[in-house]
Amino acid sequence: MKQSIDIAIEELEELNPQDYVLVDVRDEVAFGHGYIPGALNIIMSRIEAGDYELPKDRKIILYCAKGLISADAAGLLNARGFEAYNLKSGYGAWLLSAFEKEEGGEASKISRCEEIEKSIRKKFHKALFSRFAKAITTYELVQEGDKIAVCISGGKDSILMAKLFQELQRHNKFPFELVFLVMDPGYNETNRKVIENNAKLLNIPITVFESNIFEAVYEVEKSPCYLCARMRRGYLYSKAKELGCNKIALGHHYDDVIETILMGMLYGAQVQTMMPKLHSTNFEGMELIRPMYLIREDDIKHWRDYNQLHFIQCACRFTDDCTTCRSDGSMVSKRMEIKELISQLKKVNPYVEGNIFKSVENVNLSTVIAYKENGVVHNFLENYNEIKE
């Protein structure tokens, strides 16, 4: 395999866009969280298999999270007769460069923030704010006197949730308090900077605290993502309670809900859903709420792209060293498989997403063999003599 040639962000910006094709070799999940405008998403396994259509009369510039796996991809293409280059330091370097270009005077930042907030009130009011408010009303997520820790991971979902909460607070009929809580579980410098820059741009007054979760789970072979998520939630509950909060808000959306339902059935052999709110088991008096419960992921992406905003993915050690770019699929999410399955089902039945969501609202216990309630298993035979056909 030929050695790849690095190209710096500054060199890329000097090229005529007509002279090159930009290729993102990260997986679909990472690409969905954010990408360089104009990039094609061709994952590394497709590059290796030759499953692509790329021109040989234009430069091919490839990138991943940090420019590690994309260097191999560029080397492969060079060996096949393409003029391929690896974007030095990858998407992370491009993100920081994009933020540096945005750094103008205070007045320009205020103006940009106002335009983004206006898009929530106007263009995206029905798709985002109305559904946010509907979830809060339908599931009784916010009450007078609440102090809510809005948990910000740095991704598109949690940042939008913070802006929606600010909008709600401006117009709500009763008082409640907000703390915008960011836990740094071991981010690298680039990802920490991206979160801080976005918070500054969007006028979100974040409270940051640190933990060593990434260090703790990095060597765990079995279910590191599950362990990481559980540990992060525990740290967030603890810090929120320390700050006087009675609730933490997480940014899970409608698509997360329906994917969780299917994942439970297909991989966990159980029927359950991601609940809109829960009482904490280990932190007395604390609740978890999910106010993005009725918002579609595509609408979040539309808002992000319309406002030319750029966010991090989960930014853990696995994505940090480009593990998710690897062609063996070792870190490809089961959730991504479910996303693809739903996409295929939707081609046959356009109502499939809504039907999955409603299925857990329309459970008929008379037609269920067994179910659990408060940890106790109940069987249909218990009430069999009372059941009529």
Protein backbone atom coordinates (compact mmCIF):
# COMPACT_ATOMS: atom_id res chain seq x y z
CA MET A 1 0.00 0.00 0.00
CA LYS A 2 1.31 3.43 -0.93
CA GLN A 3 1.93 5.99 1.77
CA SER A 4 -0.70 8.71 2.07
CA ILE A 5 0.06 12.41 1.67
CA ASP A 6 -1.27 14.79 4.31
CA ILE A 7 -2.98 18.03 3.39
CA ALA A 8 -3.54 20.75 5.98
CA ILE A 9 -6.81 22.64 6.54
CA GLU A 10 -5.19 25.82 5.19
CA GLU A 11 -4.17 24.06 1.98
CA LEU A 12 -7.66 22.60 1.55
CA GLU A 13 -9.21 26.05 1.82
CA GLU A 14 -7.00 27.34 -0.99
CA LEU A 15 -8.22 24.67 -3.42
CA ASN A 16 -11.07 25.20 -5.88
CA PRO A 17 -13.97 22.95 -4.71
CA GLN A 18 -14.35 21.82 -8.33
CA ASP A 19 -10.88 20.27 -8.19
CA TYR A 20 -11.46 17.78 -5.40
CA VAL A 21 -13.94 15.37 -3.79
CA LEU A 22 -14.17 15.33 0.01
CA VAL A 23 -14.78 11.91 1.61
CA ASP A 24 -15.68 11.23 5.26
CA VAL A 25 -14.68 7.64 6.18
CA ARG A 26 -16.31 7.65 9.64
CA ASP A 27 -19.38 5.50 10.30
CA GLU A 28 -22.91 6.73 9.65
CA VAL A 29 -23.50 7.60 13.31
CA ALA A 30 -20.48 9.92 13.50
CA PHE A 31 -21.30 11.42 10.11
CA GLY A 32 -24.86 12.07 11.27
CA HIS A 33 -23.58 14.10 14.22
CA GLY A 34 -21.72 16.49 11.95
CA TYR A 35 -19.50 16.64 8.88
CA ILE A 36 -17.58 19.03 6.67
CA PRO A 37 -20.04 20.60 4.20
CA GLY A 38 -20.01 18.86 0.82
CA ALA A 39 -18.43 15.64 2.07
CA LEU A 40 -19.51 12.20 0.89
CA ASN A 41 -19.84 9.48 3.53
CA ILE A 42 -17.94 6.37 2.35
CA ILE A 43 -16.95 4.27 5.35
CA MET A 44 -13.57 2.55 5.55
CA SER A 45 -14.94 -0.95 4.87
CA ARG A 46 -16.36 0.27 1.56
CA ILE A 47 -13.03 1.85 0.65
CA GLU A 48 -11.28 -1.45 1.34
CA ALA A 49 -13.86 -3.41 -0.67
CA GLY A 50 -13.73 -1.02 -3.62
CA ASP A 51 -17.41 -0.15 -3.11
CA TYR A 52 -17.33 3.46 -4.31
CA GLU A 53 -17.52 5.62 -7.41
CA LEU A 54 -14.86 8.30 -7.34
CA PRO A 55 -13.30 10.29 -10.21
CA LYS A 56 -9.65 9.80 -11.12
CA ASP A 57 -9.39 13.24 -12.71
CA ARG A 58 -9.93 15.06 -9.37
CA LYS A 59 -8.12 15.01 -6.03
CA ILE A 60 -9.72 12.77 -3.38
CA ILE A 61 -9.36 14.23 0.11
CA LEU A 62 -10.29 11.88 2.95
CA TYR A 63 -10.81 12.52 6.64
CA CYS A 64 -11.93 10.79 9.84
CA ALA A 65 -12.06 12.03 13.44
CA LYS A 66 -8.32 12.73 13.81
CA GLY A 67 -6.79 11.76 10.48
CA LEU A 68 -5.61 8.29 11.53
CA ILE A 69 -7.82 5.81 9.68
CA SER A 70 -8.30 8.17 6.74
CA ALA A 71 -4.53 8.05 6.21
CA ASP A 72 -4.85 4.31 5.51
CA ALA A 73 -7.81 4.99 3.20
CA ALA A 74 -5.81 7.57 1.24
CA GLY A 75 -2.92 5.11 0.91
CA LEU A 76 -5.28 2.46 -0.49
CA LEU A 77 -6.70 4.86 -3.08
CA ASN A 78 -3.24 6.02 -4.12
CA ALA A 79 -2.27 2.41 -4.71
CA ARG A 80 -5.30 2.11 -6.99
CA GLY A 81 -4.32 5.03 -9.16
CA PHE A 82 -6.19 7.89 -7.47
CA GLU A 83 -4.64 11.17 -6.36
CA ALA A 84 -5.67 10.86 -2.73
CA TYR A 85 -4.78 12.96 0.31
CA ASN A 86 -5.40 12.65 4.04
CA LEU A 87 -6.79 15.71 5.83
CA LYS A 88 -4.27 16.30 8.59
CA SER A 89 -5.80 15.99 12.11
CA GLY A 90 -9.20 15.25 10.60
CA TYR A 91 -12.64 16.57 11.44
CA GLY A 92 -11.52 17.86 14.84
CA ALA A 93 -9.00 20.23 13.29
CA TRP A 94 -11.57 21.43 10.76
CA LEU A 95 -14.05 22.14 13.59
CA LEU A 96 -11.57 24.31 15.48
CA SER A 97 -10.71 26.14 12.27
CA ALA A 98 -14.42 26.81 11.66
CA PHE A 99 -14.79 28.26 15.16
CA GLU A 100 -11.75 30.50 14.72
CA LYS A 101 -13.30 31.98 11.58
CA GLU A 102 -16.48 32.77 13.51
CA GLU A 103 -14.63 34.67 16.21
CA GLY A 104 -15.57 38.25 15.52
CA GLY A 105 -16.59 41.10 17.77
CA GLU A 106 -19.07 40.72 20.61
CA ALA A 107 -21.76 42.40 18.49
CA SER A 108 -21.45 39.81 15.72
CA LYS A 109 -21.73 36.94 18.21
CA ILE A 110 -24.87 38.46 19.74
CA SER A 111 -26.35 38.88 16.28
CA ARG A 112 -25.59 35.27 15.33
CA CYS A 113 -27.08 33.97 18.57
CA GLU A 114 -30.20 36.07 18.03
CA GLU A 115 -30.64 34.64 14.52
CA ILE A 116 -30.33 31.08 15.85
CA GLU A 117 -32.87 31.80 18.60
CA LYS A 118 -35.16 33.41 16.02
CA SER A 119 -35.03 30.22 13.92
CA ILE A 120 -36.41 28.30 16.93
CA ARG A 121 -39.26 30.80 17.36
CA LYS A 122 -40.10 31.06 13.65
CA LYS A 123 -38.88 28.51 11.09
CA PHE A 124 -38.57 25.57 13.51
CA HIS A 125 -41.32 26.49 15.96
CA LYS A 126 -43.70 23.70 14.95
CA ALA A 127 -41.07 20.97 14.51
CA LEU A 128 -39.01 21.79 17.61
CA PHE A 129 -40.47 24.15 20.21
CA SER A 130 -44.09 23.01 19.88
CA ARG A 131 -43.12 19.36 20.30
CA PHE A 132 -40.82 20.25 23.19
CA ALA A 133 -43.66 22.10 24.94
CA LYS A 134 -46.11 19.28 24.15
CA ALA A 135 -43.86 16.67 25.77
CA ILE A 136 -43.46 18.82 28.88
CA THR A 137 -47.25 19.24 29.14
CA THR A 138 -48.23 15.68 28.17
CA TYR A 139 -45.81 13.95 30.52
CA GLU A 140 -45.83 16.66 33.24
CA LEU A 141 -42.07 17.08 33.12
CA VAL A 142 -41.69 20.56 34.64
CA GLN A 143 -43.44 21.93 37.72
CA GLU A 144 -43.36 25.27 39.49
CA GLY A 145 -40.27 25.65 41.66
CA ASP A 146 -38.24 22.97 39.86
CA LYS A 147 -34.50 23.42 39.59
CA ILE A 148 -33.44 21.45 36.52
CA ALA A 149 -29.91 20.42 35.57
CA VAL A 150 -29.92 20.52 31.76
CA CYS A 151 -27.21 17.97 30.96
CA ILE A 152 -25.08 19.00 27.98
CA SER A 153 -22.81 16.43 26.33
CA GLY A 154 -21.78 18.76 23.50
CA GLY A 155 -23.82 17.06 20.78
CA LYS A 156 -26.64 18.53 18.71
CA ASP A 157 -29.45 17.08 20.85
CA SER A 158 -28.35 18.40 24.24
CA ILE A 159 -27.33 21.83 22.91
CA LEU A 160 -30.72 22.25 21.24
CA MET A 161 -32.42 21.11 24.45
CA ALA A 162 -30.60 23.89 26.32
CA LYS A 163 -31.84 26.51 23.83
CA LEU A 164 -35.40 25.17 24.00
CA PHE A 165 -35.33 25.35 27.79
CA GLN A 166 -34.16 28.97 27.60
CA GLU A 167 -37.04 29.73 25.24
CA LEU A 168 -39.52 27.96 27.51
CA GLN A 169 -38.27 29.89 30.53
CA ARG A 170 -38.88 33.20 28.73
CA HIS A 171 -42.54 32.41 28.06
CA ASN A 172 -43.60 30.01 30.82
CA LYS A 173 -46.41 30.91 33.20
CA PHE A 174 -44.65 29.68 36.34
CA PRO A 175 -41.08 30.05 37.65
CA PHE A 176 -38.43 27.34 37.51
CA GLU A 177 -34.63 27.41 37.54
CA LEU A 178 -32.08 26.02 35.09
CA VAL A 179 -28.47 24.92 35.52
CA PHE A 180 -26.65 24.02 32.30
CA LEU A 181 -24.43 21.19 33.42
CA VAL A 182 -21.46 19.86 31.45
CA MET A 183 -19.50 16.91 32.74
CA ASP A 184 -16.03 16.52 31.24
CA PRO A 185 -15.41 12.76 31.52
CA GLY A 186 -11.97 13.07 29.93
CA TYR A 187 -12.46 14.95 26.67
CA ASN A 188 -9.41 15.79 24.62
CA GLU A 189 -8.56 19.47 24.24
CA THR A 190 -10.32 19.79 20.87
CA ASN A 191 -13.66 18.44 22.07
CA ARG A 192 -13.59 20.48 25.28
CA LYS A 193 -12.93 23.59 23.21
CA VAL A 194 -15.79 22.80 20.79
CA ILE A 195 -18.25 22.52 23.70
CA GLU A 196 -17.05 25.76 25.28
CA ASN A 197 -17.12 27.62 21.96
CA ASN A 198 -20.66 26.48 21.19
CA ALA A 199 -21.84 27.47 24.66
CA LYS A 200 -20.30 30.92 24.22
CA LEU A 201 -21.75 31.36 20.73
CA LEU A 202 -25.24 30.31 21.84
CA ASN A 203 -25.20 32.21 25.14
CA ILE A 204 -25.54 29.12 27.31
CA PRO A 205 -23.98 29.73 30.75
CA ILE A 206 -22.49 26.30 31.37
CA THR A 207 -21.26 24.86 34.66
CA VAL A 208 -18.42 22.41 33.95
CA PHE A 209 -17.13 19.71 36.28
CA GLU A 210 -14.65 16.93 35.62
CA SER A 211 -14.50 13.16 36.12
CA ASN A 212 -12.24 10.34 34.90
CA ILE A 213 -14.93 8.09 33.40
CA PHE A 214 -13.25 7.65 30.00
CA GLU A 215 -10.09 6.47 31.76
CA ALA A 216 -12.10 4.02 33.87
CA VAL A 217 -13.98 2.32 31.01
CA TYR A 218 -11.39 2.44 28.23
CA GLU A 219 -9.90 -0.98 29.04
CA VAL A 220 -13.29 -2.60 29.63
CA GLU A 221 -13.94 -5.14 26.86
CA LYS A 222 -17.58 -6.05 27.55
CA SER A 223 -20.21 -3.30 27.06
CA PRO A 224 -17.96 -0.24 27.68
CA CYS A 225 -20.62 2.11 26.24
CA TYR A 226 -23.28 0.82 28.65
CA LEU A 227 -20.94 1.14 31.63
CA CYS A 228 -19.89 4.63 30.54
CA ALA A 229 -23.52 5.76 30.21
CA ARG A 230 -24.42 4.42 33.68
CA MET A 231 -21.39 6.04 35.29
CA ARG A 232 -22.04 9.36 33.56
CA ARG A 233 -25.62 9.40 34.76
CA GLY A 234 -24.51 8.73 38.34
CA TYR A 235 -22.01 11.60 38.23
CA LEU A 236 -24.65 13.93 36.74
CA TYR A 237 -27.21 13.04 39.42
CA SER A 238 -24.64 13.58 42.14
CA LYS A 239 -23.46 16.97 40.86
CA ALA A 240 -27.01 18.13 40.13
CA LYS A 241 -28.10 17.26 43.68
CA GLU A 242 -25.05 19.06 45.06
CA LEU A 243 -26.17 22.18 43.13
CA GLY A 244 -29.66 21.99 44.61
CA CYS A 245 -31.42 20.55 41.55
CA ASN A 246 -34.32 18.13 41.84
CA LYS A 247 -34.27 16.98 38.19
CA ILE A 248 -31.80 16.21 35.44
CA ALA A 249 -32.84 16.62 31.79
CA LEU A 250 -31.36 14.39 29.08
CA GLY A 251 -31.56 15.01 25.32
CA HIS A 252 -33.02 11.72 24.07
CA HIS A 253 -35.44 12.28 21.17
CA TYR A 254 -38.30 10.43 19.40
CA ASP A 255 -35.96 8.37 17.22
CA ASP A 256 -34.01 7.23 20.31
CA VAL A 257 -37.31 6.04 21.80
CA ILE A 258 -38.44 3.91 18.85
CA GLU A 259 -34.95 2.50 18.38
CA THR A 260 -34.85 1.51 22.06
CA ILE A 261 -38.19 -0.29 21.74
CA LEU A 262 -36.91 -2.39 18.83
CA MET A 263 -33.50 -2.99 20.43
CA GLY A 264 -35.20 -4.34 23.54
CA MET A 265 -37.30 -6.75 21.46
CA LEU A 266 -34.64 -7.93 19.02
CA TYR A 267 -31.56 -7.98 21.27
CA GLY A 268 -32.96 -8.07 24.81
CA ALA A 269 -36.02 -10.33 24.35
CA GLN A 270 -38.20 -7.84 26.20
CA VAL A 271 -40.88 -5.26 25.49
CA GLN A 272 -40.00 -1.95 27.11
CA THR A 273 -39.43 1.66 26.21
CA MET A 274 -37.32 4.66 27.14
CA MET A 275 -39.60 6.49 29.59
CA PRO A 276 -40.22 10.28 29.40
CA LYS A 277 -39.49 10.58 33.12
CA LEU A 278 -38.21 8.38 35.93
CA HIS A 279 -37.62 8.61 39.68
CA SER A 280 -33.97 8.00 40.53
CA THR A 281 -33.28 4.73 42.32
CA ASN A 282 -30.05 5.84 44.01
CA PHE A 283 -30.60 9.58 44.50
CA GLU A 284 -33.67 10.17 46.64
CA GLY A 285 -35.88 13.05 45.55
CA MET A 286 -34.27 13.26 42.10
CA GLU A 287 -36.01 12.69 38.77
CA LEU A 288 -34.79 12.20 35.20
CA ILE A 289 -36.81 13.90 32.44
CA ARG A 290 -36.60 13.69 28.64
CA PRO A 291 -38.28 16.80 27.18
CA MET A 292 -37.07 16.05 23.60
CA TYR A 293 -39.23 12.91 23.63
CA LEU A 294 -41.50 13.98 20.74
CA ILE A 295 -38.86 15.69 18.55
CA ARG A 296 -37.63 13.95 15.39
CA GLU A 297 -33.87 13.62 14.84
CA ASP A 298 -34.12 14.81 11.22
CA ASP A 299 -35.64 18.08 12.44
CA ILE A 300 -32.74 18.54 14.87
CA LYS A 301 -30.28 17.97 12.02
CA HIS A 302 -32.19 20.43 9.83
CA TRP A 303 -31.96 23.09 12.55
CA ARG A 304 -28.23 22.39 12.99
CA ASP A 305 -27.45 22.59 9.27
CA TYR A 306 -29.72 25.61 8.65
CA ASN A 307 -27.77 27.55 11.29
CA GLN A 308 -24.40 26.11 10.19
CA LEU A 309 -23.66 24.77 13.64
CA HIS A 310 -21.06 22.09 14.38
CA PHE A 311 -21.04 19.74 17.34
CA ILE A 312 -19.06 16.81 18.70
CA GLN A 313 -20.24 13.19 18.66
CA CYS A 314 -19.89 11.36 22.01
CA ALA A 315 -16.14 12.19 21.97
CA CYS A 316 -15.12 9.20 24.07
CA ARG A 317 -11.73 7.49 23.81
CA PHE A 318 -13.06 5.08 21.18
CA THR A 319 -14.12 7.88 18.82
CA ASP A 320 -11.15 9.96 19.89
CA ASP A 321 -8.68 7.46 18.42
CA CYS A 322 -10.87 6.76 15.37
CA THR A 323 -11.95 3.35 16.65
CA THR A 324 -15.43 3.84 15.18
CA CYS A 325 -13.86 4.31 11.74
CA ARG A 326 -12.43 0.79 11.77
CA SER A 327 -13.46 -1.56 9.03
CA ASP A 328 -13.97 -4.64 11.21
CA GLY A 329 -17.17 -3.11 12.60
CA SER A 330 -16.10 -3.81 16.19
CA MET A 331 -17.53 -0.54 17.46
CA VAL A 332 -20.45 -0.17 15.05
CA SER A 333 -23.47 0.53 17.21
CA LYS A 334 -26.41 -1.86 17.47
CA ARG A 335 -28.46 1.31 17.38
CA MET A 336 -27.13 1.97 13.88
CA GLU A 337 -28.34 -1.45 12.79
CA ILE A 338 -31.79 -0.65 14.15
CA LYS A 339 -31.78 2.73 12.38
CA GLU A 340 -31.11 0.93 9.11
CA LEU A 341 -33.83 -1.63 9.81
CA ILE A 342 -36.39 1.11 10.48
CA SER A 343 -35.31 2.88 7.30
CA GLN A 344 -35.94 -0.30 5.29
CA LEU A 345 -39.31 -0.95 6.95
CA LYS A 346 -40.35 2.65 6.24
CA LYS A 347 -40.01 1.99 2.50
CA VAL A 348 -42.77 -0.61 2.78
CA ASN A 349 -44.85 1.13 5.47
CA PRO A 350 -44.44 4.93 5.81
CA TYR A 351 -46.24 4.84 9.19
CA VAL A 352 -43.88 2.33 10.78
CA GLU A 353 -42.11 4.82 13.09
CA GLY A 354 -45.35 6.15 14.55
CA ASN A 355 -46.68 2.61 14.92
CA ILE A 356 -43.59 1.51 16.87
CA PHE A 357 -43.93 4.53 19.17
CA LYS A 358 -47.66 3.94 19.77
CA SER A 359 -47.22 0.20 20.29
CA VAL A 360 -46.06 0.74 23.88
CA GLU A 361 -49.04 3.02 24.53
CA ASN A 362 -51.48 0.32 23.39
CA VAL A 363 -50.32 -2.74 25.33
CA ASN A 364 -53.21 -5.15 25.98
CA LEU A 365 -52.23 -7.22 29.02
CA SER A 366 -54.99 -9.71 28.24
CA THR A 367 -52.99 -10.83 25.19
CA VAL A 368 -49.56 -10.97 26.87
CA ILE A 369 -48.16 -14.30 28.07
CA ALA A 370 -46.26 -12.74 30.96
CA TYR A 371 -45.19 -9.32 32.20
CA LYS A 372 -43.27 -7.73 35.05
CA GLU A 373 -44.62 -5.12 37.43
CA ASN A 374 -42.37 -3.67 40.14
CA GLY A 375 -40.03 -6.60 39.62
CA VAL A 376 -42.74 -9.24 40.07
CA VAL A 377 -43.50 -11.57 37.15
CA HIS A 378 -47.18 -12.13 36.34
CA ASN A 379 -48.46 -14.87 34.03
CA PHE A 380 -51.67 -14.92 32.00
CA LEU A 381 -52.71 -18.12 33.81
CA GLU A 382 -53.27 -16.08 36.99
CA ASN A 383 -56.43 -14.59 35.49
CA TYR A 384 -57.09 -17.10 32.73
CA ASN A 385 -60.64 -17.98 33.88
CA GLU A 386 -61.64 -14.30 33.64
CA ILE A 387 -60.39 -13.89 30.05
CA LYS A 388 -62.97 -14.26 27.27
CA GLU A 389 -62.22 -14.69 23.56
